[in-house]
C-alpha atoms as a PDB file:
ATOM      1  CA  MET A   1     -17.964   9.632  10.463  1.00  0.00           C
ATOM      2  CA  PRO A   2     -21.511   8.632   9.427  1.00  0.00           C
ATOM      3  CA  THR A   3     -24.120   8.220  12.147  1.00  0.00           C
ATOM      4  CA  ARG A   4     -26.749   6.379  10.023  1.00  0.00           C
ATOM      5  CA  VAL A   5     -26.180   3.056   8.262  1.00  0.00           C
ATOM      6  CA  ILE A   6     -28.975   3.633   5.738  1.00  0.00           C
ATOM      7  CA  GLU A   7     -29.009   7.057   4.072  1.00  0.00           C
ATOM      8  CA  ARG A   8     -31.723   8.207   1.642  1.00  0.00           C
ATOM      9  CA  LEU A   9     -30.051   9.680  -1.453  1.00  0.00           C
ATOM     10  CA  ASN A  10     -33.046  10.932  -3.456  1.00  0.00           C
ATOM     11  CA  GLN A  11     -36.721  11.633  -2.930  1.00  0.00           C
ATOM     12  CA  ILE A  12     -38.347   9.179  -5.360  1.00  0.00           C
ATOM     13  CA  GLU A  13     -41.407   7.748  -3.641  1.00  0.00           C
ATOM     14  CA  MET A  14     -41.217   4.221  -2.263  1.00  0.00           C
ATOM     15  CA  THR A  15     -43.940   1.958  -3.701  1.00  0.00           C
ATOM     16  CA  PRO A  16     -44.333  -1.832  -3.949  1.00  0.00           C
ATOM     17  CA  GLN A  17     -43.900  -1.511  -7.736  1.00  0.00           C
ATOM     18  CA  GLN A  18     -40.571   0.338  -7.537  1.00  0.00           C
ATOM     19  CA  VAL A  19     -37.409  -1.727  -7.045  1.00  0.00           C
ATOM     20  CA  PRO A  20     -35.099   0.557  -5.030  1.00  0.00           C
ATOM     21  CA  VAL A  21     -31.375   0.923  -5.646  1.00  0.00           C
ATOM     22  CA  VAL A  22     -29.054   0.298  -2.689  1.00  0.00           C
ATOM     23  CA  VAL A  23     -25.391   1.259  -3.004  1.00  0.00           C
ATOM     24  CA  ILE A  24     -22.617   0.193  -0.615  1.00  0.00           C
ATOM     25  CA  HIS A  25     -20.073   2.858   0.352  1.00  0.00           C
ATOM     26  CA  PRO A  26     -16.479   3.164  -0.930  1.00  0.00           C
ATOM     27  CA  ILE A  27     -13.394   3.059   1.350  1.00  0.00           C
ATOM     28  CA  GLU A  28     -14.289   6.487   2.789  1.00  0.00           C
ATOM     29  CA  GLY A  29     -17.233   4.820   4.534  1.00  0.00           C
ATOM     30  CA  HIS A  30     -19.896   7.353   3.520  1.00  0.00           C
ATOM     31  CA  VAL A  31     -22.021   7.971   0.400  1.00  0.00           C
ATOM     32  CA  ASN A  32     -22.065  11.776   0.225  1.00  0.00           C
ATOM     33  CA  MET A  33     -20.226  11.708  -3.121  1.00  0.00           C
ATOM     34  CA  LEU A  34     -23.148   9.761  -4.655  1.00  0.00           C
ATOM     35  CA  ARG A  35     -25.916  12.283  -4.027  1.00  0.00           C
ATOM     36  CA  SER A  36     -25.751  13.992  -7.442  1.00  0.00           C
ATOM     37  CA  TRP A  37     -25.630  10.557  -9.112  1.00  0.00           C
ATOM     38  CA  ALA A  38     -28.674   9.381  -7.147  1.00  0.00           C
ATOM     39  CA  LYS A  39     -30.707  12.445  -8.154  1.00  0.00           C
ATOM     40  CA  GLN A  40     -30.439  11.367 -11.808  1.00  0.00           C
ATOM     41  CA  MET A  41     -32.032   7.989 -11.056  1.00  0.00           C
ATOM     42  CA  LYS A  42     -35.704   7.138 -11.640  1.00  0.00           C
ATOM     43  CA  TYR A  43     -35.748   4.744  -8.702  1.00  0.00           C
ATOM     44  CA  PRO A  44     -35.565   5.336  -4.936  1.00  0.00           C
ATOM     45  CA  VAL A  45     -31.851   5.257  -4.029  1.00  0.00           C
ATOM     46  CA  PHE A  46     -30.383   4.434  -0.622  1.00  0.00           C
ATOM     47  CA  GLY A  47     -26.757   4.431   0.496  1.00  0.00           C
ATOM     48  CA  VAL A  48     -25.228   2.076   3.056  1.00  0.00           C
ATOM     49  CA  GLN A  49     -22.592   3.651   5.314  1.00  0.00           C
ATOM     50  CA  PHE A  50     -19.892   2.467   7.714  1.00  0.00           C
ATOM     51  CA  THR A  51     -20.889   3.695  11.167  1.00  0.00           C
ATOM     52  CA  GLN A  52     -19.343   3.208  14.587  1.00  0.00           C
ATOM     53  CA  GLU A  53     -21.585   0.163  15.028  1.00  0.00           C
ATOM     54  CA  ALA A  54     -19.926  -1.507  12.009  1.00  0.00           C
ATOM     55  CA  MET A  55     -16.474  -1.284  13.594  1.00  0.00           C
ATOM     56  CA  GLN A  56     -17.074  -4.459  15.607  1.00  0.00           C
ATOM     57  CA  TYR A  57     -16.799  -6.576  12.431  1.00  0.00           C
ATOM     58  CA  GLU A  58     -13.481  -7.911  11.131  1.00  0.00           C
ATOM     59  CA  THR A  59     -14.270  -9.385   7.713  1.00  0.00           C
ATOM     60  CA  VAL A  60     -16.062  -8.375   4.525  1.00  0.00           C
ATOM     61  CA  GLU A  61     -18.400 -11.326   5.000  1.00  0.00           C
ATOM     62  CA  GLN A  62     -19.397 -10.223   8.511  1.00  0.00           C
ATOM     63  CA  LEU A  63     -19.924  -6.664   7.325  1.00  0.00           C
ATOM     64  CA  ALA A  64     -22.126  -7.891   4.478  1.00  0.00           C
ATOM     65  CA  GLU A  65     -24.378  -9.768   6.929  1.00  0.00           C
ATOM     66  CA  PHE A  66     -24.686  -6.717   9.178  1.00  0.00           C
ATOM     67  CA  TYR A  67     -25.581  -4.475   6.250  1.00  0.00           C
ATOM     68  CA  TRP A  68     -28.186  -6.902   4.936  1.00  0.00           C
ATOM     69  CA  THR A  69     -29.880  -6.922   8.333  1.00  0.00           C
ATOM     70  CA  GLN A  70     -30.116  -3.122   8.147  1.00  0.00           C
ATOM     71  CA  ILE A  71     -31.431  -3.259   4.562  1.00  0.00           C
ATOM     72  CA  GLU A  72     -34.106  -5.763   5.628  1.00  0.00           C
ATOM     73  CA  LYS A  73     -35.231  -3.499   8.457  1.00  0.00           C
ATOM     74  CA  GLU A  74     -35.015  -0.077   6.793  1.00  0.00           C
ATOM     75  CA  ILE A  75     -35.759  -0.760   3.117  1.00  0.00           C
ATOM     76  CA  LEU A  76     -37.305  -4.173   2.422  1.00  0.00           C
ATOM     77  CA  ARG A  77     -39.675  -3.617   5.347  1.00  0.00           C
ATOM     78  CA  HIS A  78     -39.678   0.145   5.170  1.00  0.00           C
ATOM     79  CA  SER A  79     -40.087   1.247   8.772  1.00  0.00           C
ATOM     80  CA  SER A  80     -41.392   4.772   8.084  1.00  0.00           C
ATOM     81  CA  THR A  81     -43.866   4.014   5.271  1.00  0.00           C
ATOM     82  CA  GLY A  82     -44.904   0.434   5.941  1.00  0.00           C
ATOM     83  CA  VAL A  83     -44.136  -0.452   2.314  1.00  0.00           C
ATOM     84  CA  VAL A  84     -42.901  -4.036   1.820  1.00  0.00           C
ATOM     85  CA  VAL A  85     -40.328  -4.325  -0.985  1.00  0.00           C
ATOM     86  CA  PRO A  86     -39.523  -7.840  -2.260  1.00  0.00           C
ATOM     87  CA  ARG A  87     -36.252  -7.049  -4.067  1.00  0.00           C
ATOM     88  CA  ILE A  88     -33.547  -4.427  -4.518  1.00  0.00           C
ATOM     89  CA  HIS A  89     -31.037  -3.413  -7.166  1.00  0.00           C
ATOM     90  CA  LEU A  90     -27.723  -3.744  -5.332  1.00  0.00           C
ATOM     91  CA  CYS A  91     -24.618  -1.689  -6.164  1.00  0.00           C
ATOM     92  CA  GLY A  92     -21.130  -1.686  -4.716  1.00  0.00           C
ATOM     93  CA  TYR A  93     -18.913   1.341  -5.141  1.00  0.00           C
ATOM     94  CA  SER A  94     -15.163   0.558  -5.053  1.00  0.00           C
ATOM     95  CA  PHE A  95     -14.565  -1.034  -1.604  1.00  0.00           C
ATOM     96  CA  GLY A  96     -18.305  -1.697  -1.519  1.00  0.00           C
ATOM     97  CA  SER A  97     -18.090  -4.066  -4.499  1.00  0.00           C
ATOM     98  CA  PRO A  98     -16.888  -7.166  -2.617  1.00  0.00           C
ATOM     99  CA  VAL A  99     -19.346  -6.382   0.182  1.00  0.00           C
ATOM    100  CA  ALA A 100     -22.218  -6.244  -2.309  1.00  0.00           C
ATOM    101  CA  PHE A 101     -20.917  -9.404  -3.986  1.00  0.00           C
ATOM    102  CA  GLU A 102     -21.059 -11.306  -0.684  1.00  0.00           C
ATOM    103  CA  MET A 103     -24.560 -10.007   0.026  1.00  0.00           C
ATOM    104  CA  ALA A 104     -25.933 -10.929  -3.405  1.00  0.00           C
ATOM    105  CA  GLY A 105     -24.323 -14.364  -3.519  1.00  0.00           C
ATOM    106  CA  LYS A 106     -26.558 -15.637  -0.722  1.00  0.00           C
ATOM    107  CA  ARG A 107     -29.778 -13.893  -1.777  1.00  0.00           C
ATOM    108  CA  HIS A 108     -30.525 -14.548  -5.436  1.00  0.00           C
ATOM    109  CA  GLY A 109     -34.263 -14.083  -4.918  1.00  0.00           C
ATOM    110  CA  ARG A 110     -33.921 -10.750  -3.137  1.00  0.00           C
ATOM    111  CA  VAL A 111     -31.382  -9.045  -5.407  1.00  0.00           C
ATOM    112  CA  ALA A 112     -32.841  -8.056  -8.789  1.00  0.00           C
ATOM    113  CA  SER A 113     -29.466  -6.950 -10.168  1.00  0.00           C
ATOM    114  CA  LEU A 114     -25.875  -6.528  -9.010  1.00  0.00           C
ATOM    115  CA  THR A 115     -23.775  -3.632 -10.315  1.00  0.00           C
ATOM    116  CA  PHE A 116     -20.221  -2.583  -9.513  1.00  0.00           C
ATOM    117  CA  LEU A 117     -19.305   1.100  -9.762  1.00  0.00           C
ATOM    118  CA  ASP A 118     -15.541   1.340 -10.213  1.00  0.00           C
ATOM    119  CA  GLY A 119     -15.699  -2.340  -9.355  1.00  0.00           C
ATOM    120  CA  CYS A 120     -11.999  -2.885  -9.907  1.00  0.00           C
ATOM    121  CA  HIS A 121     -11.581  -0.352  -7.048  1.00  0.00           C
ATOM    122  CA  SER A 122      -8.196   0.593  -8.519  1.00  0.00           C
ATOM    123  CA  TYR A 123      -7.264   2.878  -5.632  1.00  0.00           C
ATOM    124  CA  VAL A 124      -7.896   0.190  -3.018  1.00  0.00           C
ATOM    125  CA  ASN A 125      -6.402  -2.572  -5.161  1.00  0.00           C
ATOM    126  CA  GLY A 126      -3.310  -0.501  -5.804  1.00  0.00           C
ATOM    127  CA  GLN A 127      -2.793  -0.032  -2.103  1.00  0.00           C
ATOM    128  CA  LEU A 128      -3.596  -3.663  -1.315  1.00  0.00           C
ATOM    129  CA  SER A 129      -1.066  -4.968  -3.838  1.00  0.00           C
ATOM    130  CA  VAL A 130       1.617  -3.057  -1.941  1.00  0.00           C
ATOM    131  CA  PHE A 131       0.534  -4.588   1.365  1.00  0.00           C
ATOM    132  CA  ARG A 132       0.228  -8.107   0.004  1.00  0.00           C
ATOM    133  CA  ASN A 133       3.655  -7.950  -1.582  1.00  0.00           C
ATOM    134  CA  ARG A 134       5.281  -6.604   1.571  1.00  0.00           C
ATOM    135  CA  PHE A 135       3.255  -8.489   4.163  1.00  0.00           C
ATOM    136  CA  PRO A 136       2.332 -12.072   3.165  1.00  0.00           C
ATOM    137  CA  MET A 137      -0.783 -13.322   4.941  1.00  0.00           C
ATOM    138  CA  VAL A 138       1.258 -15.699   7.102  1.00  0.00           C
ATOM    139  CA  GLU A 139       3.227 -12.720   8.442  1.00  0.00           C
ATOM    140  CA  LEU A 140       0.340 -10.299   8.770  1.00  0.00           C
ATOM    141  CA  VAL A 141      -0.339 -10.805  12.477  1.00  0.00           C
ATOM    142  CA  ASN A 142       3.334 -10.617  13.442  1.00  0.00           C
ATOM    143  CA  ARG A 143       3.817  -7.379  11.493  1.00  0.00           C
ATOM    144  CA  MET A 144       0.531  -5.721  12.354  1.00  0.00           C
ATOM    145  CA  GLY A 145       2.239  -2.621  13.727  1.00  0.00           C
ATOM    146  CA  GLU A 146       3.828  -1.949  10.348  1.00  0.00           C
ATOM    147  CA  VAL A 147       0.575  -2.628   8.499  1.00  0.00           C
ATOM    148  CA  GLU A 148      -1.428  -0.294  10.754  1.00  0.00           C
ATOM    149  CA  SER A 149       1.219   2.412  10.374  1.00  0.00           C
ATOM    150  CA  GLU A 150       1.162   2.183   6.578  1.00  0.00           C
ATOM    151  CA  ILE A 151      -2.638   2.377   6.552  1.00  0.00           C
ATOM    152  CA  LEU A 152      -2.661   5.397   8.850  1.00  0.00           C
ATOM    153  CA  TYR A 153      -0.195   7.146   6.555  1.00  0.00           C
ATOM    154  CA  MET A 154      -2.685   6.611   3.708  1.00  0.00           C
ATOM    155  CA  PHE A 155      -5.431   8.057   5.916  1.00  0.00           C
ATOM    156  CA  VAL A 156      -3.375  11.178   6.664  1.00  0.00           C
ATOM    157  CA  GLN A 157      -2.577  11.660   2.974  1.00  0.00           C
ATOM    158  CA  GLN A 158      -6.256  12.434   2.359  1.00  0.00           C
ATOM    159  CA  TYR A 159      -5.972  15.619   4.407  1.00  0.00           C
ATOM    160  CA  VAL A 160      -2.323  16.699   4.567  1.00  0.00           C
ATOM    161  CA  PRO A 161      -0.504  15.133   1.600  1.00  0.00           C
ATOM    162  CA  THR A 162       2.769  16.973   2.224  1.00  0.00           C
ATOM    163  CA  MET A 163       2.801  16.911   6.025  1.00  0.00           C
ATOM    164  CA  ILE A 164       5.800  14.623   6.419  1.00  0.00           C
ATOM    165  CA  THR A 165       7.796  12.085   4.433  1.00  0.00           C
ATOM    166  CA  LYS A 166       6.350   8.587   4.462  1.00  0.00           C
ATOM    167  CA  ARG A 167       9.456   6.952   5.880  1.00  0.00           C
ATOM    168  CA  GLU A 168       9.699   9.303   8.855  1.00  0.00           C
ATOM    169  CA  PHE A 169       5.988   9.146   9.560  1.00  0.00           C
ATOM    170  CA  VAL A 170       5.702   5.346   9.388  1.00  0.00           C
ATOM    171  CA  GLU A 171       8.847   4.824  11.459  1.00  0.00           C
ATOM    172  CA  GLU A 172       7.450   7.115  14.150  1.00  0.00           C
ATOM    173  CA  LEU A 173       4.187   5.165  14.233  1.00  0.00           C
ATOM    174  CA  VAL A 174       5.878   1.751  14.270  1.00  0.00           C
ATOM    175  CA  ARG A 175       7.780   2.760  17.415  1.00  0.00           C
ATOM    176  CA  LEU A 176       4.454   3.104  19.242  1.00  0.00           C
ATOM    177  CA  SER A 177       3.093  -0.011  20.950  1.00  0.00           C
ATOM    178  CA  THR A 178      -0.614  -0.097  20.100  1.00  0.00           C
ATOM    179  CA  LEU A 179      -3.101   0.975  17.464  1.00  0.00           C
ATOM    180  CA  GLU A 180      -4.699   3.374  19.946  1.00  0.00           C
ATOM    181  CA  GLN A 181      -1.370   5.133  20.488  1.00  0.00           C
ATOM    182  CA  ARG A 182      -0.861   5.377  16.726  1.00  0.00           C
ATOM    183  CA  ILE A 183      -4.324   6.840  16.217  1.00  0.00           C
ATOM    184  CA  ARG A 184      -3.792   9.435  18.956  1.00  0.00           C
ATOM    185  CA  TYR A 185      -0.495  10.444  17.328  1.00  0.00           C
ATOM    186  CA  VAL A 186      -2.146  10.770  13.902  1.00  0.00           C
ATOM    187  CA  VAL A 187      -5.025  12.806  15.331  1.00  0.00           C
ATOM    188  CA  ARG A 188      -2.653  15.231  17.096  1.00  0.00           C
ATOM    189  CA  GLU A 189      -0.729  15.736  13.854  1.00  0.00           C
ATOM    190  CA  LEU A 190      -3.870  16.351  11.820  1.00  0.00           C
ATOM    191  CA  LEU A 191      -5.393  18.721  14.357  1.00  0.00           C
ATOM    192  CA  SER A 192      -2.230  20.825  14.380  1.00  0.00           C
ATOM    193  CA  LYS A 193      -1.285  20.732  10.693  1.00  0.00           C
ATOM    194  CA  SER A 194      -4.392  20.241   8.573  1.00  0.00           C
ATOM    195  CA  GLN A 195      -6.323  23.119   7.029  1.00  0.00           C
ATOM    196  CA  PHE A 196      -9.572  21.328   7.903  1.00  0.00           C
ATOM    197  CA  GLN A 197     -11.445  21.838  11.171  1.00  0.00           C
ATOM    198  CA  PHE A 198     -11.939  18.433  12.767  1.00  0.00           C
ATOM    199  CA  ASP A 199     -13.792  17.236  15.818  1.00  0.00           C
ATOM    200  CA  GLN A 200     -11.198  15.200  17.713  1.00  0.00           C
ATOM    201  CA  PHE A 201     -13.523  12.356  18.697  1.00  0.00           C
ATOM    202  CA  ASP A 202     -14.955  12.116  15.180  1.00  0.00           C
ATOM    203  CA  LEU A 203     -11.455  12.107  13.689  1.00  0.00           C
ATOM    204  CA  GLU A 204     -10.365   9.287  15.998  1.00  0.00           C
ATOM    205  CA  LEU A 205     -13.373   7.232  14.914  1.00  0.00           C
ATOM    206  CA  ALA A 206     -12.696   7.957  11.248  1.00  0.00           C
ATOM    207  CA  ALA A 207      -9.045   6.895  11.538  1.00  0.00           C
ATOM    208  CA  ARG A 208      -9.947   3.706  13.380  1.00  0.00           C
ATOM    209  CA  SER A 209     -12.676   2.842  10.874  1.00  0.00           C
ATOM    210  CA  TYR A 210     -10.288   3.440   7.952  1.00  0.00           C
ATOM    211  CA  VAL A 211      -7.820   0.946   9.444  1.00  0.00           C
ATOM    212  CA  ASN A 212     -10.692  -1.466  10.053  1.00  0.00           C
ATOM    213  CA  LYS A 213     -11.918  -1.334   6.436  1.00  0.00           C
ATOM    214  CA  MET A 214      -8.429  -1.636   4.955  1.00  0.00           C
ATOM    215  CA  LEU A 215      -7.682  -4.689   7.092  1.00  0.00           C
ATOM    216  CA  MET A 216     -10.952  -6.247   5.894  1.00  0.00           C
ATOM    217  CA  ALA A 217      -9.903  -5.616   2.287  1.00  0.00           C
ATOM    218  CA  ILE A 218      -6.422  -7.037   2.837  1.00  0.00           C
ATOM    219  CA  LYS A 219      -7.819 -10.269   4.290  1.00  0.00           C
ATOM    220  CA  TYR A 220     -10.623 -10.661   1.734  1.00  0.00           C
ATOM    221  CA  GLN A 221     -10.262 -13.377  -0.927  1.00  0.00           C
END
């Protein structure tokens, strides 16, 4: 679970003449996978990450506004160097594409270019098509327990793909009453069956944030 919203991804010097690149995270919420890419760039590159602070937002549009505030503070008015940057090159990676799109649409003078990396976000779209076919928007609230359970199964699949059959796992989660109970169940299963060494609190945050981002994507038009 990231602890910083803005993460420096290369060491190119910030100057008023350089237009920095800012890339919005994929569904995982962090930008670690972009470090080798950023080191090939001739511009300063920053990543935007989904931290615990971002979990208070419920829509892509709200998340975009929060991220822009952080970009203004940390990059456009660079707090550590005092450099003032008038514009940025904005990128969205997978899930980050609609977030970047919402940010750029309101700030034509501040965004020098808009680029989507894996902009069709095929993984997320593939999952969303399943949800939208099974859970029409008008039914979403009434069937939230099923939706949360399906999303948490996807989260678990990242770490223990053969832990349990989907039907059994989702049915077990649906029987629980709240999202918090479902997250605690998922965390117990991962701590006992995954080959990875997790911090329990961090894993709970990561599971909750994954549900949060997927719900944003489902609702986004």
